[in-house]
Amino acid sequence: MNRASSVPAPLAWIDSITERLGRWLSWLIIIMMLVQFLIVVLRYAFSINSIPAQEAVMYMHAVVFLVAASYTLKHDGHVRVDIFYRSHSPKRKAWTDLFGTLFLLLPVMGFILYSSFGYVTKSWAIFEGSPESGGIPAIYLLKTLIPVFAVLMITQGIAEIIRNVLIIQGRIMPTSENDAHLEERV
């Protein structure tokens, strides 16, 4: 079965955006580590402290954590208690993932999106800045990552629904490395 021709355009489109975001964020991780290293060297070697640099690391960490969550979902990297799941067939895993996405992921992300709206709009209304003197005056941007996170997770959740339905229908094979190894053995 030709995988490329059997994957619907919406699934391919969402997956490509998520993949590009993940690759971009991998560079941000390197930048974040370099800035943190610089902070430590400046503090302990030269007794220089920089609140904006410390906050920049916090902002970068928030971007990586919240924006890369959809990339992690795409690559099945979120923590799972898989005592039973790991022994299931690919179709049964697809059913489990489908129900988990429909009844856990989407409702929780919808709640986060809904409940963060007032929190973020209030922050934007006053252009909320850092509580630290000399800090980055953009807490409102940091808080905006919360609904961005929810939207990205909902979008990738839709892709996962499409993928799992196609796996259940037998139209595509599972993309998980573990499932691919299982099928090679069979």
N, C-alpha and C. Protein backbone atom coordinates (compact mmCIF):
# COMPACT_ATOMS: atom_id res chain seq x y z
N MET A 1 0.85 -1.17 0.00
CA MET A 1 0.00 0.00 0.00
C MET A 1 0.90 1.23 0.00
N ASN A 2 0.64 2.14 -0.89
CA ASN A 2 1.42 3.37 -0.97
C ASN A 2 0.93 4.34 0.09
N ARG A 3 1.78 4.62 1.06
CA ARG A 3 1.38 5.47 2.18
C ARG A 3 1.08 6.89 1.76
N ALA A 4 1.92 7.48 0.91
CA ALA A 4 1.77 8.89 0.54
C ALA A 4 0.43 9.14 -0.14
N SER A 5 0.00 8.21 -1.00
CA SER A 5 -1.24 8.44 -1.72
C SER A 5 -2.46 8.18 -0.85
N SER A 6 -2.32 7.39 0.23
CA SER A 6 -3.47 7.06 1.06
C SER A 6 -3.68 8.02 2.23
N VAL A 7 -2.76 8.93 2.44
CA VAL A 7 -2.89 9.88 3.55
C VAL A 7 -3.67 11.10 3.07
N PRO A 8 -4.80 11.41 3.71
CA PRO A 8 -5.60 12.57 3.31
C PRO A 8 -4.81 13.87 3.46
N ALA A 9 -5.14 14.83 2.62
CA ALA A 9 -4.45 16.12 2.61
C ALA A 9 -4.49 16.83 3.97
N PRO A 10 -5.64 16.87 4.66
CA PRO A 10 -5.64 17.56 5.97
C PRO A 10 -4.64 16.96 6.96
N LEU A 11 -4.55 15.63 6.97
CA LEU A 11 -3.62 14.95 7.87
C LEU A 11 -2.19 15.30 7.50
N ALA A 12 -1.86 15.23 6.23
CA ALA A 12 -0.50 15.56 5.78
C ALA A 12 -0.17 17.01 6.08
N TRP A 13 -1.12 17.90 5.88
CA TRP A 13 -0.90 19.33 6.11
C TRP A 13 -0.64 19.61 7.58
N ILE A 14 -1.49 19.08 8.46
CA ILE A 14 -1.33 19.30 9.91
C ILE A 14 0.00 18.70 10.38
N ASP A 15 0.29 17.48 9.95
CA ASP A 15 1.54 16.83 10.34
C ASP A 15 2.76 17.62 9.87
N SER A 16 2.71 18.19 8.68
CA SER A 16 3.87 18.94 8.19
C SER A 16 4.08 20.23 8.99
N ILE A 17 3.00 20.89 9.35
CA ILE A 17 3.13 22.11 10.18
C ILE A 17 3.70 21.74 11.55
N THR A 18 3.16 20.69 12.15
CA THR A 18 3.64 20.26 13.47
C THR A 18 5.11 19.87 13.39
N GLU A 19 5.49 19.17 12.34
CA GLU A 19 6.88 18.74 12.17
C GLU A 19 7.81 19.95 12.04
N ARG A 20 7.41 20.94 11.25
CA ARG A 20 8.23 22.14 11.09
C ARG A 20 8.36 22.91 12.41
N LEU A 21 7.27 23.01 13.15
CA LEU A 21 7.34 23.67 14.47
C LEU A 21 8.31 22.94 15.38
N GLY A 22 8.24 21.63 15.40
CA GLY A 22 9.13 20.84 16.25
C GLY A 22 10.59 21.02 15.88
N ARG A 23 10.87 21.06 14.60
CA ARG A 23 12.26 21.26 14.17
C ARG A 23 12.76 22.66 14.50
N TRP A 24 11.90 23.66 14.35
CA TRP A 24 12.27 25.03 14.71
C TRP A 24 12.55 25.11 16.21
N LEU A 25 11.71 24.46 16.99
CA LEU A 25 11.87 24.51 18.45
C LEU A 25 13.13 23.79 18.91
N SER A 26 13.59 22.82 18.15
CA SER A 26 14.83 22.14 18.54
C SER A 26 16.00 23.13 18.53
N TRP A 27 15.96 24.09 17.62
CA TRP A 27 17.00 25.14 17.61
C TRP A 27 16.84 26.07 18.80
N LEU A 28 15.61 26.33 19.19
CA LEU A 28 15.38 27.20 20.34
C LEU A 28 15.93 26.56 21.62
N ILE A 29 15.88 25.26 21.70
CA ILE A 29 16.43 24.55 22.87
C ILE A 29 17.93 24.80 22.96
N ILE A 30 18.62 24.75 21.84
CA ILE A 30 20.06 25.01 21.83
C ILE A 30 20.35 26.45 22.26
N ILE A 31 19.58 27.39 21.73
CA ILE A 31 19.75 28.80 22.11
C ILE A 31 19.49 28.97 23.60
N MET A 32 18.44 28.34 24.11
CA MET A 32 18.11 28.42 25.53
C MET A 32 19.26 27.89 26.39
N MET A 33 19.85 26.78 25.98
CA MET A 33 20.97 26.22 26.74
C MET A 33 22.18 27.15 26.72
N LEU A 34 22.46 27.76 25.59
CA LEU A 34 23.58 28.69 25.49
C LEU A 34 23.37 29.93 26.37
N VAL A 35 22.15 30.46 26.35
CA VAL A 35 21.85 31.62 27.20
C VAL A 35 21.98 31.24 28.67
N GLN A 36 21.47 30.07 29.03
CA GLN A 36 21.59 29.63 30.43
C GLN A 36 23.05 29.46 30.83
N PHE A 37 23.85 28.89 29.95
CA PHE A 37 25.29 28.75 30.21
C PHE A 37 25.93 30.12 30.40
N LEU A 38 25.57 31.07 29.55
CA LEU A 38 26.09 32.43 29.67
C LEU A 38 25.70 33.07 31.00
N ILE A 39 24.46 32.86 31.42
CA ILE A 39 23.99 33.39 32.71
C ILE A 39 24.84 32.85 33.85
N VAL A 40 25.09 31.56 33.84
CA VAL A 40 25.88 30.93 34.91
C VAL A 40 27.31 31.45 34.91
N VAL A 41 27.92 31.54 33.74
CA VAL A 41 29.30 32.05 33.64
C VAL A 41 29.37 33.50 34.14
N LEU A 42 28.42 34.32 33.68
CA LEU A 42 28.44 35.73 34.11
C LEU A 42 28.23 35.86 35.61
N ARG A 43 27.33 35.05 36.15
CA ARG A 43 27.03 35.16 37.58
C ARG A 43 28.20 34.69 38.44
N TYR A 44 28.75 33.52 38.14
CA TYR A 44 29.76 32.95 39.03
C TYR A 44 31.18 33.36 38.70
N ALA A 45 31.46 33.73 37.47
CA ALA A 45 32.82 34.14 37.12
C ALA A 45 33.01 35.64 37.23
N PHE A 46 31.94 36.40 36.97
CA PHE A 46 32.08 37.86 36.94
C PHE A 46 31.13 38.59 37.88
N SER A 47 30.33 37.86 38.65
CA SER A 47 29.35 38.44 39.59
C SER A 47 28.39 39.40 38.88
N ILE A 48 28.01 39.06 37.66
CA ILE A 48 27.05 39.86 36.90
C ILE A 48 25.74 39.08 36.83
N ASN A 49 24.65 39.75 37.21
CA ASN A 49 23.33 39.14 37.19
C ASN A 49 22.45 39.87 36.18
N SER A 50 21.72 39.15 35.37
CA SER A 50 20.85 39.76 34.37
C SER A 50 19.44 39.18 34.46
N ILE A 51 18.54 39.98 34.98
CA ILE A 51 17.14 39.56 35.10
C ILE A 51 16.53 39.32 33.71
N PRO A 52 16.74 40.20 32.73
CA PRO A 52 16.18 39.92 31.40
C PRO A 52 16.69 38.60 30.80
N ALA A 53 17.96 38.29 31.01
CA ALA A 53 18.49 37.03 30.48
C ALA A 53 17.83 35.84 31.19
N GLN A 54 17.65 35.94 32.51
CA GLN A 54 17.00 34.86 33.25
C GLN A 54 15.55 34.69 32.79
N GLU A 55 14.86 35.81 32.59
CA GLU A 55 13.48 35.73 32.13
C GLU A 55 13.42 35.22 30.69
N ALA A 56 14.42 35.55 29.88
CA ALA A 56 14.45 35.06 28.50
C ALA A 56 14.50 33.54 28.48
N VAL A 57 15.27 32.96 29.38
CA VAL A 57 15.33 31.49 29.48
C VAL A 57 13.96 30.95 29.87
N MET A 58 13.29 31.61 30.81
CA MET A 58 11.96 31.19 31.22
C MET A 58 10.98 31.28 30.04
N TYR A 59 11.04 32.35 29.27
CA TYR A 59 10.17 32.51 28.10
C TYR A 59 10.45 31.41 27.07
N MET A 60 11.74 31.17 26.80
CA MET A 60 12.08 30.14 25.82
C MET A 60 11.62 28.77 26.28
N HIS A 61 11.77 28.51 27.58
CA HIS A 61 11.31 27.23 28.12
C HIS A 61 9.81 27.09 27.95
N ALA A 62 9.08 28.15 28.22
CA ALA A 62 7.62 28.12 28.05
C ALA A 62 7.24 27.87 26.59
N VAL A 63 7.93 28.51 25.67
CA VAL A 63 7.66 28.30 24.24
C VAL A 63 7.92 26.85 23.88
N VAL A 64 9.05 26.33 24.30
CA VAL A 64 9.38 24.93 23.98
C VAL A 64 8.34 23.99 24.58
N PHE A 65 8.03 24.17 25.84
CA PHE A 65 7.13 23.26 26.52
C PHE A 65 5.72 23.32 25.93
N LEU A 66 5.19 24.52 25.72
CA LEU A 66 3.80 24.65 25.28
C LEU A 66 3.63 24.42 23.78
N VAL A 67 4.53 24.94 22.97
CA VAL A 67 4.37 24.83 21.53
C VAL A 67 4.79 23.44 21.03
N ALA A 68 5.78 22.84 21.68
CA ALA A 68 6.24 21.52 21.24
C ALA A 68 5.35 20.39 21.72
N ALA A 69 4.36 20.67 22.53
CA ALA A 69 3.47 19.61 23.01
C ALA A 69 2.75 18.92 21.85
N SER A 70 2.39 19.67 20.82
CA SER A 70 1.72 19.06 19.66
C SER A 70 2.70 18.18 18.88
N TYR A 71 3.96 18.59 18.80
CA TYR A 71 4.99 17.78 18.15
C TYR A 71 5.18 16.47 18.92
N THR A 72 5.18 16.57 20.23
CA THR A 72 5.32 15.39 21.08
C THR A 72 4.12 14.46 20.91
N LEU A 73 2.93 15.04 20.79
CA LEU A 73 1.73 14.23 20.53
C LEU A 73 1.84 13.51 19.20
N LYS A 74 2.29 14.21 18.18
CA LYS A 74 2.44 13.62 16.84
C LYS A 74 3.38 12.42 16.87
N HIS A 75 4.44 12.51 17.67
CA HIS A 75 5.44 11.45 17.75
C HIS A 75 5.18 10.48 18.91
N ASP A 76 3.98 10.54 19.49
CA ASP A 76 3.56 9.63 20.56
C ASP A 76 4.56 9.65 21.71
N GLY A 77 4.99 10.84 22.10
CA GLY A 77 6.00 10.96 23.13
C GLY A 77 5.49 11.37 24.49
N HIS A 78 4.18 11.57 24.63
CA HIS A 78 3.65 11.94 25.94
C HIS A 78 3.64 10.72 26.86
N VAL A 79 3.73 10.98 28.14
CA VAL A 79 3.77 9.93 29.13
C VAL A 79 2.45 9.15 29.09
N ARG A 80 2.57 7.84 29.17
CA ARG A 80 1.40 6.99 29.10
C ARG A 80 1.63 5.82 30.06
N VAL A 81 0.59 5.43 30.76
CA VAL A 81 0.65 4.22 31.57
C VAL A 81 0.22 3.11 30.64
N ASP A 82 1.20 2.36 30.14
CA ASP A 82 0.89 1.41 29.07
C ASP A 82 1.06 -0.05 29.48
N ILE A 83 0.60 -0.37 30.67
CA ILE A 83 0.69 -1.75 31.14
C ILE A 83 -0.03 -2.69 30.16
N PHE A 84 -1.21 -2.29 29.72
CA PHE A 84 -1.99 -3.10 28.78
C PHE A 84 -1.79 -2.65 27.34
N TYR A 85 -1.62 -1.35 27.15
CA TYR A 85 -1.55 -0.74 25.82
C TYR A 85 -0.44 -1.34 24.97
N ARG A 86 0.72 -1.54 25.54
CA ARG A 86 1.88 -1.99 24.74
C ARG A 86 1.66 -3.37 24.12
N SER A 87 0.82 -4.18 24.72
CA SER A 87 0.60 -5.52 24.17
C SER A 87 -0.57 -5.57 23.19
N HIS A 88 -1.27 -4.46 23.01
CA HIS A 88 -2.41 -4.42 22.10
C HIS A 88 -1.97 -4.43 20.64
N SER A 89 -2.86 -4.87 19.80
CA SER A 89 -2.63 -4.83 18.35
C SER A 89 -2.67 -3.37 17.88
N PRO A 90 -2.12 -3.08 16.71
CA PRO A 90 -2.17 -1.70 16.20
C PRO A 90 -3.59 -1.15 16.10
N LYS A 91 -4.56 -1.98 15.71
CA LYS A 91 -5.95 -1.50 15.61
C LYS A 91 -6.52 -1.18 16.99
N ARG A 92 -6.21 -2.02 17.95
CA ARG A 92 -6.72 -1.77 19.31
C ARG A 92 -6.07 -0.51 19.90
N LYS A 93 -4.79 -0.32 19.61
CA LYS A 93 -4.11 0.91 20.04
C LYS A 93 -4.77 2.11 19.38
N ALA A 94 -5.13 1.99 18.11
CA ALA A 94 -5.78 3.09 17.40
C ALA A 94 -7.13 3.41 18.04
N TRP A 95 -7.89 2.37 18.42
CA TRP A 95 -9.16 2.61 19.12
C TRP A 95 -8.93 3.34 20.44
N THR A 96 -7.95 2.88 21.20
CA THR A 96 -7.63 3.51 22.49
C THR A 96 -7.24 4.97 22.29
N ASP A 97 -6.36 5.22 21.31
CA ASP A 97 -5.92 6.59 21.04
C ASP A 97 -7.08 7.46 20.54
N LEU A 98 -7.96 6.88 19.73
CA LEU A 98 -9.11 7.62 19.21
C LEU A 98 -10.02 8.05 20.36
N PHE A 99 -10.37 7.12 21.24
CA PHE A 99 -11.22 7.46 22.38
C PHE A 99 -10.53 8.44 23.33
N GLY A 100 -9.24 8.25 23.54
CA GLY A 100 -8.50 9.18 24.41
C GLY A 100 -8.49 10.59 23.84
N THR A 101 -8.33 10.69 22.53
CA THR A 101 -8.32 12.01 21.89
C THR A 101 -9.71 12.64 21.96
N LEU A 102 -10.74 11.87 21.64
CA LEU A 102 -12.10 12.41 21.62
C LEU A 102 -12.62 12.77 23.01
N PHE A 103 -12.33 11.93 24.00
CA PHE A 103 -12.96 12.11 25.30
C PHE A 103 -12.05 12.70 26.38
N LEU A 104 -10.74 12.81 26.10
CA LEU A 104 -9.83 13.42 27.07
C LEU A 104 -9.12 14.64 26.48
N LEU A 105 -8.37 14.44 25.41
CA LEU A 105 -7.58 15.52 24.85
C LEU A 105 -8.43 16.71 24.41
N LEU A 106 -9.39 16.47 23.53
CA LEU A 106 -10.19 17.58 23.00
C LEU A 106 -10.99 18.32 24.08
N PRO A 107 -11.68 17.61 24.99
CA PRO A 107 -12.39 18.35 26.04
C PRO A 107 -11.46 19.16 26.95
N VAL A 108 -10.32 18.59 27.32
CA VAL A 108 -9.39 19.31 28.21
C VAL A 108 -8.82 20.53 27.49
N MET A 109 -8.43 20.36 26.24
CA MET A 109 -7.89 21.50 25.48
C MET A 109 -8.96 22.55 25.22
N GLY A 110 -10.19 22.12 25.00
CA GLY A 110 -11.30 23.08 24.86
C GLY A 110 -11.50 23.87 26.14
N PHE A 111 -11.43 23.18 27.28
CA PHE A 111 -11.56 23.86 28.56
C PHE A 111 -10.41 24.85 28.77
N ILE A 112 -9.18 24.44 28.46
CA ILE A 112 -8.03 25.34 28.61
C ILE A 112 -8.20 26.56 27.72
N LEU A 113 -8.61 26.34 26.49
CA LEU A 113 -8.81 27.45 25.56
C LEU A 113 -9.88 28.41 26.08
N TYR A 114 -11.00 27.86 26.52
CA TYR A 114 -12.10 28.68 27.03
C TYR A 114 -11.71 29.43 28.31
N SER A 115 -11.12 28.71 29.25
CA SER A 115 -10.81 29.32 30.55
C SER A 115 -9.63 30.28 30.50
N SER A 116 -8.77 30.16 29.51
CA SER A 116 -7.62 31.07 29.43
C SER A 116 -7.95 32.37 28.71
N PHE A 117 -9.08 32.41 28.04
CA PHE A 117 -9.41 33.59 27.24
C PHE A 117 -9.43 34.87 28.07
N GLY A 118 -10.15 34.89 29.19
CA GLY A 118 -10.21 36.09 30.04
C GLY A 118 -8.86 36.43 30.66
N TYR A 119 -8.16 35.42 31.07
CA TYR A 119 -6.83 35.58 31.68
C TYR A 119 -5.88 36.27 30.71
N VAL A 120 -5.89 35.82 29.46
CA VAL A 120 -4.98 36.37 28.45
C VAL A 120 -5.44 37.75 28.00
N THR A 121 -6.74 37.94 27.79
CA THR A 121 -7.21 39.25 27.33
C THR A 121 -6.98 40.33 28.38
N LYS A 122 -7.12 39.99 29.66
CA LYS A 122 -6.83 40.97 30.73
C LYS A 122 -5.36 41.34 30.71
N SER A 123 -4.51 40.38 30.47
CA SER A 123 -3.07 40.64 30.42
C SER A 123 -2.73 41.54 29.23
N TRP A 124 -3.36 41.28 28.09
CA TRP A 124 -3.14 42.11 26.91
C TRP A 124 -3.70 43.52 27.12
N ALA A 125 -4.81 43.64 27.83
CA ALA A 125 -5.45 44.95 28.05
C ALA A 125 -4.52 45.92 28.77
N ILE A 126 -3.68 45.37 29.65
CA ILE A 126 -2.76 46.25 30.40
C ILE A 126 -1.31 46.09 29.94
N PHE A 127 -1.10 45.30 28.88
CA PHE A 127 0.26 44.98 28.43
C PHE A 127 1.14 44.61 29.62
N GLU A 128 0.68 43.59 30.31
CA GLU A 128 1.32 43.15 31.55
C GLU A 128 2.81 42.87 31.35
N GLY A 129 3.57 43.42 32.24
CA GLY A 129 5.02 43.25 32.17
C GLY A 129 5.54 42.44 33.34
N SER A 130 6.83 42.32 33.39
CA SER A 130 7.49 41.55 34.44
C SER A 130 7.31 42.21 35.80
N PRO A 131 7.12 41.41 36.85
CA PRO A 131 7.06 41.98 38.19
C PRO A 131 8.45 42.39 38.69
N GLU A 132 9.49 41.93 38.02
CA GLU A 132 10.86 42.25 38.42
C GLU A 132 11.29 43.56 37.77
N SER A 133 12.00 44.36 38.53
CA SER A 133 12.53 45.61 38.00
C SER A 133 13.56 45.28 36.91
N GLY A 134 13.36 45.83 35.73
CA GLY A 134 14.27 45.58 34.62
C GLY A 134 13.98 44.29 33.87
N GLY A 135 12.88 43.62 34.20
CA GLY A 135 12.52 42.37 33.53
C GLY A 135 11.91 42.63 32.17
N ILE A 136 11.62 41.57 31.48
CA ILE A 136 11.03 41.66 30.14
C ILE A 136 9.57 42.14 30.27
N PRO A 137 9.23 43.22 29.60
CA PRO A 137 7.88 43.77 29.73
C PRO A 137 6.87 43.10 28.79
N ALA A 138 6.79 41.79 28.84
CA ALA A 138 5.92 41.09 27.89
C ALA A 138 5.29 39.83 28.47
N ILE A 139 4.84 39.90 29.70
CA ILE A 139 4.16 38.74 30.30
C ILE A 139 2.91 38.38 29.49
N TYR A 140 2.28 39.39 28.89
CA TYR A 140 1.09 39.14 28.08
C TYR A 140 1.41 38.20 26.91
N LEU A 141 2.61 38.29 26.35
CA LEU A 141 3.00 37.37 25.28
C LEU A 141 3.20 35.96 25.83
N LEU A 142 3.78 35.88 27.00
CA LEU A 142 4.00 34.59 27.64
C LEU A 142 2.66 33.91 27.93
N LYS A 143 1.70 34.67 28.43
CA LYS A 143 0.38 34.12 28.73
C LYS A 143 -0.37 33.72 27.46
N THR A 144 -0.07 34.37 26.36
CA THR A 144 -0.70 34.04 25.08
C THR A 144 -0.34 32.63 24.63
N LEU A 145 0.77 32.12 25.12
CA LEU A 145 1.16 30.76 24.76
C LEU A 145 0.14 29.71 25.24
N ILE A 146 -0.64 30.03 26.26
CA ILE A 146 -1.61 29.06 26.79
C ILE A 146 -2.68 28.74 25.75
N PRO A 147 -3.38 29.74 25.18
CA PRO A 147 -4.34 29.37 24.13
C PRO A 147 -3.68 28.86 22.85
N VAL A 148 -2.46 29.34 22.55
CA VAL A 148 -1.73 28.81 21.39
C VAL A 148 -1.49 27.32 21.58
N PHE A 149 -1.07 26.94 22.79
CA PHE A 149 -0.88 25.53 23.13
C PHE A 149 -2.16 24.73 22.89
N ALA A 150 -3.28 25.25 23.39
CA ALA A 150 -4.55 24.53 23.25
C ALA A 150 -4.94 24.38 21.78
N VAL A 151 -4.78 25.43 21.00
CA VAL A 151 -5.13 25.38 19.57
C VAL A 151 -4.24 24.38 18.84
N LEU A 152 -2.94 24.40 19.12
CA LEU A 152 -2.03 23.46 18.46
C LEU A 152 -2.35 22.01 18.85
N MET A 153 -2.69 21.80 20.12
CA MET A 153 -3.03 20.44 20.56
C MET A 153 -4.35 19.98 19.95
N ILE A 154 -5.34 20.87 19.85
CA ILE A 154 -6.60 20.52 19.20
C ILE A 154 -6.36 20.18 17.74
N THR A 155 -5.55 20.99 17.07
CA THR A 155 -5.25 20.75 15.66
C THR A 155 -4.55 19.41 15.47
N GLN A 156 -3.53 19.13 16.28
CA GLN A 156 -2.85 17.84 16.16
C GLN A 156 -3.77 16.72 16.61
N GLY A 157 -4.66 16.99 17.56
CA GLY A 157 -5.64 15.99 17.97
C GLY A 157 -6.55 15.60 16.81
N ILE A 158 -6.94 16.57 15.99
CA ILE A 158 -7.74 16.28 14.80
C ILE A 158 -6.96 15.38 13.85
N ALA A 159 -5.68 15.68 13.69
CA ALA A 159 -4.83 14.83 12.84
C ALA A 159 -4.76 13.41 13.41
N GLU A 160 -4.67 13.30 14.73
CA GLU A 160 -4.60 11.97 15.34
C GLU A 160 -5.92 11.22 15.17
N ILE A 161 -7.03 11.93 15.22
CA ILE A 161 -8.33 11.29 14.98
C ILE A 161 -8.37 10.73 13.57
N ILE A 162 -7.98 11.55 12.60
CA ILE A 162 -7.96 11.10 11.20
C ILE A 162 -7.05 9.89 11.05
N ARG A 163 -5.84 9.97 11.61
CA ARG A 163 -4.87 8.89 11.51
C ARG A 163 -5.42 7.59 12.11
N ASN A 164 -6.01 7.70 13.31
CA ASN A 164 -6.50 6.49 13.98
C ASN A 164 -7.70 5.89 13.26
N VAL A 165 -8.57 6.70 12.70
CA VAL A 165 -9.69 6.18 11.91
C VAL A 165 -9.15 5.43 10.69
N LEU A 166 -8.14 6.00 10.05
CA LEU A 166 -7.55 5.34 8.88
C LEU A 166 -6.86 4.03 9.25
N ILE A 167 -6.23 3.99 10.41
CA ILE A 167 -5.61 2.74 10.88
C ILE A 167 -6.68 1.70 11.17
N ILE A 168 -7.75 2.11 11.83
CA ILE A 168 -8.85 1.20 12.14
C ILE A 168 -9.47 0.65 10.85
N GLN A 169 -9.61 1.50 9.85
CA GLN A 169 -10.16 1.07 8.56
C GLN A 169 -9.18 0.24 7.74
N GLY A 170 -7.92 0.21 8.17
CA GLY A 170 -6.91 -0.54 7.44
C GLY A 170 -6.38 0.19 6.22
N ARG A 171 -6.64 1.50 6.13
CA ARG A 171 -6.21 2.27 4.97
C ARG A 171 -4.76 2.73 5.08
N ILE A 172 -4.23 2.85 6.30
CA ILE A 172 -2.81 3.15 6.50
C ILE A 172 -2.28 2.27 7.61
N MET A 173 -0.98 2.13 7.63
CA MET A 173 -0.33 1.35 8.68
C MET A 173 0.07 2.31 9.80
N PRO A 174 0.18 1.81 11.03
CA PRO A 174 0.62 2.67 12.14
C PRO A 174 2.00 3.25 11.85
N THR A 175 2.24 4.47 12.32
CA THR A 175 3.51 5.13 12.08
C THR A 175 4.47 5.00 13.24
N SER A 176 4.00 4.45 14.35
CA SER A 176 4.86 4.31 15.53
C SER A 176 6.01 3.37 15.23
N GLU A 177 7.20 3.73 15.71
CA GLU A 177 8.37 2.88 15.52
C GLU A 177 8.14 1.51 16.17
N ASN A 178 7.51 1.50 17.32
CA ASN A 178 7.26 0.24 18.01
C ASN A 178 6.32 -0.65 17.18
N ASP A 179 5.27 -0.06 16.63
CA ASP A 179 4.34 -0.83 15.81
C ASP A 179 5.02 -1.31 14.53
N ALA A 180 5.88 -0.49 13.96
CA ALA A 180 6.58 -0.89 12.73
C ALA A 180 7.47 -2.09 13.00
N HIS A 181 8.15 -2.11 14.16
CA HIS A 181 9.00 -3.24 14.52
C HIS A 181 8.17 -4.50 14.76
N LEU A 182 6.98 -4.32 15.38
CA LEU A 182 6.12 -5.46 15.61
C LEU A 182 5.67 -6.08 14.29
N GLU A 183 5.32 -5.22 13.32
CA GLU A 183 4.83 -5.73 12.05
C GLU A 183 5.94 -6.38 11.24
N GLU A 184 7.20 -5.94 11.41
CA GLU A 184 8.31 -6.56 10.71
C GLU A 184 8.52 -7.99 11.20
N ARG A 185 8.25 -8.23 12.50
CA ARG A 185 8.44 -9.55 13.06
C ARG A 185 7.37 -10.53 12.62
N VAL A 186 6.18 -10.03 12.34
CA VAL A 186 5.04 -10.90 12.01
C VAL A 186 5.16 -11.52 10.67
